[in-house]
N, C-alpha and C. Protein backbone atom coordinates (compact mmCIF):
# COMPACT_ATOMS: atom_id res chain seq x y z
N MET A 1 -11.70 -2.65 16.44
CA MET A 1 -10.28 -2.51 16.13
C MET A 1 -10.07 -1.59 14.95
N LEU A 2 -10.93 -1.73 13.92
CA LEU A 2 -10.80 -0.88 12.73
C LEU A 2 -11.00 0.59 13.10
N LEU A 3 -11.94 0.85 14.01
CA LEU A 3 -12.15 2.23 14.44
C LEU A 3 -10.91 2.79 15.12
N LEU A 4 -10.25 1.96 15.91
CA LEU A 4 -9.02 2.39 16.57
C LEU A 4 -7.94 2.69 15.54
N ALA A 5 -7.81 1.83 14.54
CA ALA A 5 -6.81 2.04 13.49
C ALA A 5 -7.10 3.33 12.74
N ASN A 6 -8.36 3.56 12.40
CA ASN A 6 -8.73 4.80 11.71
C ASN A 6 -8.45 6.01 12.58
N TRP A 7 -8.75 5.91 13.86
CA TRP A 7 -8.49 7.01 14.79
C TRP A 7 -7.00 7.33 14.83
N ILE A 8 -6.17 6.29 14.89
CA ILE A 8 -4.72 6.50 14.94
C ILE A 8 -4.24 7.21 13.68
N VAL A 9 -4.70 6.74 12.52
CA VAL A 9 -4.28 7.34 11.25
C VAL A 9 -4.76 8.78 11.15
N ILE A 10 -6.01 9.05 11.54
CA ILE A 10 -6.56 10.40 11.46
C ILE A 10 -5.80 11.34 12.40
N ASN A 11 -5.54 10.89 13.62
CA ASN A 11 -4.81 11.74 14.57
C ASN A 11 -3.38 11.97 14.11
N TRP A 12 -2.75 10.93 13.58
CA TRP A 12 -1.39 11.10 13.07
C TRP A 12 -1.38 12.07 11.91
N ALA A 13 -2.36 11.94 11.01
CA ALA A 13 -2.44 12.82 9.84
C ALA A 13 -2.67 14.27 10.25
N SER A 14 -3.54 14.49 11.23
CA SER A 14 -3.79 15.87 11.65
C SER A 14 -2.56 16.45 12.34
N ARG A 15 -1.82 15.65 13.06
CA ARG A 15 -0.59 16.11 13.70
C ARG A 15 0.46 16.46 12.64
N CYS A 16 0.54 15.63 11.58
CA CYS A 16 1.51 15.89 10.52
C CYS A 16 1.14 17.13 9.73
N SER A 17 -0.15 17.34 9.49
CA SER A 17 -0.54 18.50 8.71
C SER A 17 -0.21 19.79 9.44
N SER A 18 -0.23 19.76 10.76
CA SER A 18 0.11 20.97 11.51
C SER A 18 1.62 21.22 11.51
N THR A 19 2.41 20.16 11.26
CA THR A 19 3.86 20.33 11.22
C THR A 19 4.38 20.47 9.80
N GLY A 20 3.50 20.37 8.81
CA GLY A 20 3.92 20.51 7.43
C GLY A 20 4.26 19.19 6.75
N ALA A 21 4.23 18.07 7.47
CA ALA A 21 4.51 16.76 6.88
C ALA A 21 3.29 16.27 6.11
N THR A 22 3.51 15.37 5.18
CA THR A 22 2.39 14.82 4.42
C THR A 22 1.74 13.69 5.21
N ALA A 23 0.44 13.55 5.03
CA ALA A 23 -0.32 12.52 5.74
C ALA A 23 -0.18 11.18 5.05
N MET A 24 -0.15 10.12 5.85
CA MET A 24 -0.12 8.76 5.33
C MET A 24 -1.53 8.20 5.35
N ARG A 25 -1.78 7.30 4.43
CA ARG A 25 -3.08 6.64 4.42
C ARG A 25 -2.85 5.15 4.38
N CYS A 26 -3.42 4.45 5.33
CA CYS A 26 -3.34 3.00 5.37
C CYS A 26 -4.51 2.42 4.59
N ILE A 27 -4.23 1.34 3.85
CA ILE A 27 -5.29 0.67 3.13
C ILE A 27 -5.37 -0.79 3.57
N SER A 28 -6.57 -1.31 3.61
CA SER A 28 -6.80 -2.69 4.01
C SER A 28 -6.56 -3.63 2.83
N TRP A 29 -6.62 -4.93 3.12
CA TRP A 29 -6.49 -5.92 2.05
C TRP A 29 -7.57 -5.70 0.99
N LYS A 30 -8.78 -5.40 1.43
CA LYS A 30 -9.90 -5.21 0.51
C LYS A 30 -9.59 -4.10 -0.50
N GLU A 31 -9.03 -3.00 -0.03
CA GLU A 31 -8.69 -1.91 -0.93
C GLU A 31 -7.44 -2.22 -1.74
N LEU A 32 -6.47 -2.92 -1.12
CA LEU A 32 -5.24 -3.28 -1.83
C LEU A 32 -5.55 -4.12 -3.06
N LYS A 33 -6.47 -5.08 -2.91
CA LYS A 33 -6.75 -5.97 -4.05
C LYS A 33 -7.48 -5.26 -5.18
N THR A 34 -8.04 -4.08 -4.94
CA THR A 34 -8.62 -3.30 -6.04
C THR A 34 -7.54 -2.55 -6.81
N ILE A 35 -6.39 -2.34 -6.16
CA ILE A 35 -5.27 -1.64 -6.80
C ILE A 35 -4.33 -2.63 -7.47
N VAL A 36 -4.02 -3.72 -6.76
CA VAL A 36 -3.09 -4.74 -7.24
C VAL A 36 -3.83 -6.08 -7.25
N PRO A 37 -4.18 -6.59 -8.40
CA PRO A 37 -5.01 -7.81 -8.47
C PRO A 37 -4.21 -9.10 -8.27
N TYR A 38 -3.51 -9.20 -7.15
CA TYR A 38 -2.76 -10.40 -6.79
C TYR A 38 -3.46 -11.08 -5.62
N SER A 39 -3.21 -12.38 -5.46
CA SER A 39 -3.76 -13.11 -4.32
C SER A 39 -2.99 -12.75 -3.05
N ARG A 40 -3.58 -13.08 -1.91
CA ARG A 40 -2.90 -12.85 -0.63
C ARG A 40 -1.57 -13.60 -0.59
N GLN A 41 -1.58 -14.82 -1.12
CA GLN A 41 -0.37 -15.63 -1.10
C GLN A 41 0.73 -15.00 -1.95
N HIS A 42 0.37 -14.47 -3.10
CA HIS A 42 1.37 -13.87 -3.97
C HIS A 42 1.92 -12.57 -3.36
N ILE A 43 1.04 -11.78 -2.77
CA ILE A 43 1.50 -10.56 -2.07
C ILE A 43 2.48 -10.96 -0.97
N GLY A 44 2.17 -12.00 -0.22
CA GLY A 44 3.06 -12.47 0.84
C GLY A 44 4.41 -12.90 0.30
N ARG A 45 4.41 -13.61 -0.83
CA ARG A 45 5.68 -14.03 -1.44
C ARG A 45 6.49 -12.83 -1.88
N LEU A 46 5.83 -11.85 -2.49
CA LEU A 46 6.53 -10.64 -2.93
C LEU A 46 7.10 -9.87 -1.74
N GLU A 47 6.34 -9.80 -0.65
CA GLU A 47 6.84 -9.12 0.55
C GLU A 47 8.08 -9.83 1.10
N GLN A 48 8.04 -11.16 1.16
CA GLN A 48 9.19 -11.91 1.67
C GLN A 48 10.42 -11.71 0.81
N ALA A 49 10.20 -11.55 -0.50
CA ALA A 49 11.31 -11.34 -1.44
C ALA A 49 11.72 -9.87 -1.51
N LYS A 50 11.09 -9.03 -0.68
CA LYS A 50 11.37 -7.58 -0.67
C LYS A 50 11.07 -6.95 -2.03
N GLN A 51 10.04 -7.47 -2.71
CA GLN A 51 9.65 -6.95 -4.02
C GLN A 51 8.30 -6.25 -3.99
N PHE A 52 7.77 -6.02 -2.79
CA PHE A 52 6.48 -5.35 -2.61
C PHE A 52 6.55 -4.64 -1.26
N PRO A 53 5.86 -3.51 -1.12
CA PRO A 53 5.86 -2.81 0.18
C PRO A 53 5.39 -3.73 1.31
N LEU A 54 6.07 -3.67 2.43
CA LEU A 54 5.72 -4.51 3.57
C LEU A 54 4.48 -3.98 4.27
N ARG A 55 3.70 -4.92 4.77
CA ARG A 55 2.50 -4.54 5.53
C ARG A 55 2.87 -3.95 6.88
N VAL A 56 1.95 -3.19 7.44
CA VAL A 56 2.10 -2.59 8.76
C VAL A 56 1.11 -3.30 9.68
N THR A 57 1.60 -3.82 10.79
CA THR A 57 0.72 -4.49 11.75
C THR A 57 0.11 -3.44 12.67
N LEU A 58 -1.21 -3.35 12.65
CA LEU A 58 -1.91 -2.36 13.48
C LEU A 58 -2.38 -2.97 14.79
N GLY A 59 -2.62 -4.24 14.78
CA GLY A 59 -3.09 -4.94 15.97
C GLY A 59 -2.90 -6.43 15.77
N GLN A 60 -3.45 -7.19 16.70
CA GLN A 60 -3.26 -8.64 16.66
C GLN A 60 -3.83 -9.26 15.39
N CYS A 61 -4.92 -8.74 14.89
CA CYS A 61 -5.57 -9.32 13.71
C CYS A 61 -5.80 -8.31 12.60
N ARG A 62 -5.03 -7.24 12.57
CA ARG A 62 -5.27 -6.20 11.56
C ARG A 62 -3.95 -5.72 10.99
N VAL A 63 -3.88 -5.71 9.66
CA VAL A 63 -2.71 -5.17 8.97
C VAL A 63 -3.19 -4.19 7.91
N CYS A 64 -2.26 -3.38 7.44
CA CYS A 64 -2.57 -2.47 6.35
C CYS A 64 -1.31 -2.22 5.55
N TRP A 65 -1.45 -1.59 4.43
CA TRP A 65 -0.32 -1.17 3.59
C TRP A 65 -0.42 0.34 3.42
N LEU A 66 0.70 1.00 3.29
CA LEU A 66 0.69 2.45 3.09
C LEU A 66 0.41 2.73 1.62
N LEU A 67 -0.62 3.50 1.37
CA LEU A 67 -1.06 3.77 0.01
C LEU A 67 0.06 4.39 -0.82
N ASP A 68 0.82 5.32 -0.25
CA ASP A 68 1.91 5.95 -1.00
C ASP A 68 2.94 4.93 -1.47
N GLU A 69 3.26 3.95 -0.61
CA GLU A 69 4.24 2.94 -0.98
C GLU A 69 3.70 2.02 -2.08
N VAL A 70 2.44 1.65 -1.99
CA VAL A 70 1.84 0.79 -3.01
C VAL A 70 1.77 1.53 -4.35
N GLN A 71 1.38 2.80 -4.31
CA GLN A 71 1.32 3.59 -5.54
C GLN A 71 2.70 3.78 -6.15
N ALA A 72 3.72 3.98 -5.32
CA ALA A 72 5.09 4.12 -5.82
C ALA A 72 5.55 2.81 -6.46
N TRP A 73 5.23 1.68 -5.83
CA TRP A 73 5.57 0.36 -6.38
C TRP A 73 4.92 0.18 -7.75
N LEU A 74 3.65 0.53 -7.85
CA LEU A 74 2.93 0.40 -9.11
C LEU A 74 3.51 1.35 -10.16
N GLN A 75 3.86 2.56 -9.77
CA GLN A 75 4.43 3.53 -10.70
C GLN A 75 5.78 3.04 -11.25
N GLU A 76 6.56 2.37 -10.40
CA GLU A 76 7.83 1.78 -10.87
C GLU A 76 7.59 0.79 -12.00
N ARG A 77 6.55 -0.03 -11.85
CA ARG A 77 6.22 -1.00 -12.89
C ARG A 77 5.74 -0.30 -14.17
N ILE A 78 4.97 0.74 -14.01
CA ILE A 78 4.49 1.50 -15.17
C ILE A 78 5.68 2.15 -15.88
N ASP A 79 6.58 2.75 -15.11
CA ASP A 79 7.73 3.44 -15.69
C ASP A 79 8.71 2.48 -16.36
N SER A 80 8.77 1.23 -15.89
CA SER A 80 9.75 0.28 -16.43
C SER A 80 9.27 -0.44 -17.69
N ARG A 81 8.01 -0.32 -17.99
CA ARG A 81 7.53 -1.00 -19.20
C ARG A 81 8.04 -0.27 -20.44
N SER A 82 8.21 -1.03 -21.47
CA SER A 82 8.70 -0.44 -22.72
C SER A 82 7.64 -0.59 -23.79
N LEU A 83 7.90 0.03 -24.92
CA LEU A 83 6.95 -0.07 -26.03
C LEU A 83 6.83 -1.50 -26.53
N THR A 84 7.84 -2.31 -26.29
CA THR A 84 7.79 -3.69 -26.74
C THR A 84 6.86 -4.53 -25.86
N ASP A 85 6.44 -4.00 -24.71
CA ASP A 85 5.53 -4.73 -23.84
C ASP A 85 4.10 -4.72 -24.34
N THR A 86 3.79 -3.89 -25.32
CA THR A 86 2.42 -3.84 -25.83
C THR A 86 2.19 -4.99 -26.79
N PRO A 87 0.98 -5.55 -26.79
CA PRO A 87 0.69 -6.67 -27.68
C PRO A 87 0.69 -6.21 -29.14
N ASP A 88 1.05 -7.13 -30.02
CA ASP A 88 1.04 -6.83 -31.46
C ASP A 88 -0.38 -6.66 -31.95
N SER A 89 -0.57 -5.70 -32.84
CA SER A 89 -1.91 -5.45 -33.39
C SER A 89 -2.14 -6.25 -34.64
């Protein structure tokens, strides 16, 4: 199933590159947790509250998240922090 998902993403990306669109990259839970150190349950709660990018269902037992959306979500958090968020020295 993972090979099929990779094939779909690669073919979609090559089609987009020929039309000038940017390629999307899907990331698995394993890669997502290296970017956002939250539990599966917390990610699910954030998704339900529309506070985190929604997962994409690739098959009956496979989901992924779009890397661009996750990075944009993280960048929003980085941009919203203020100097007062830093710990006192």
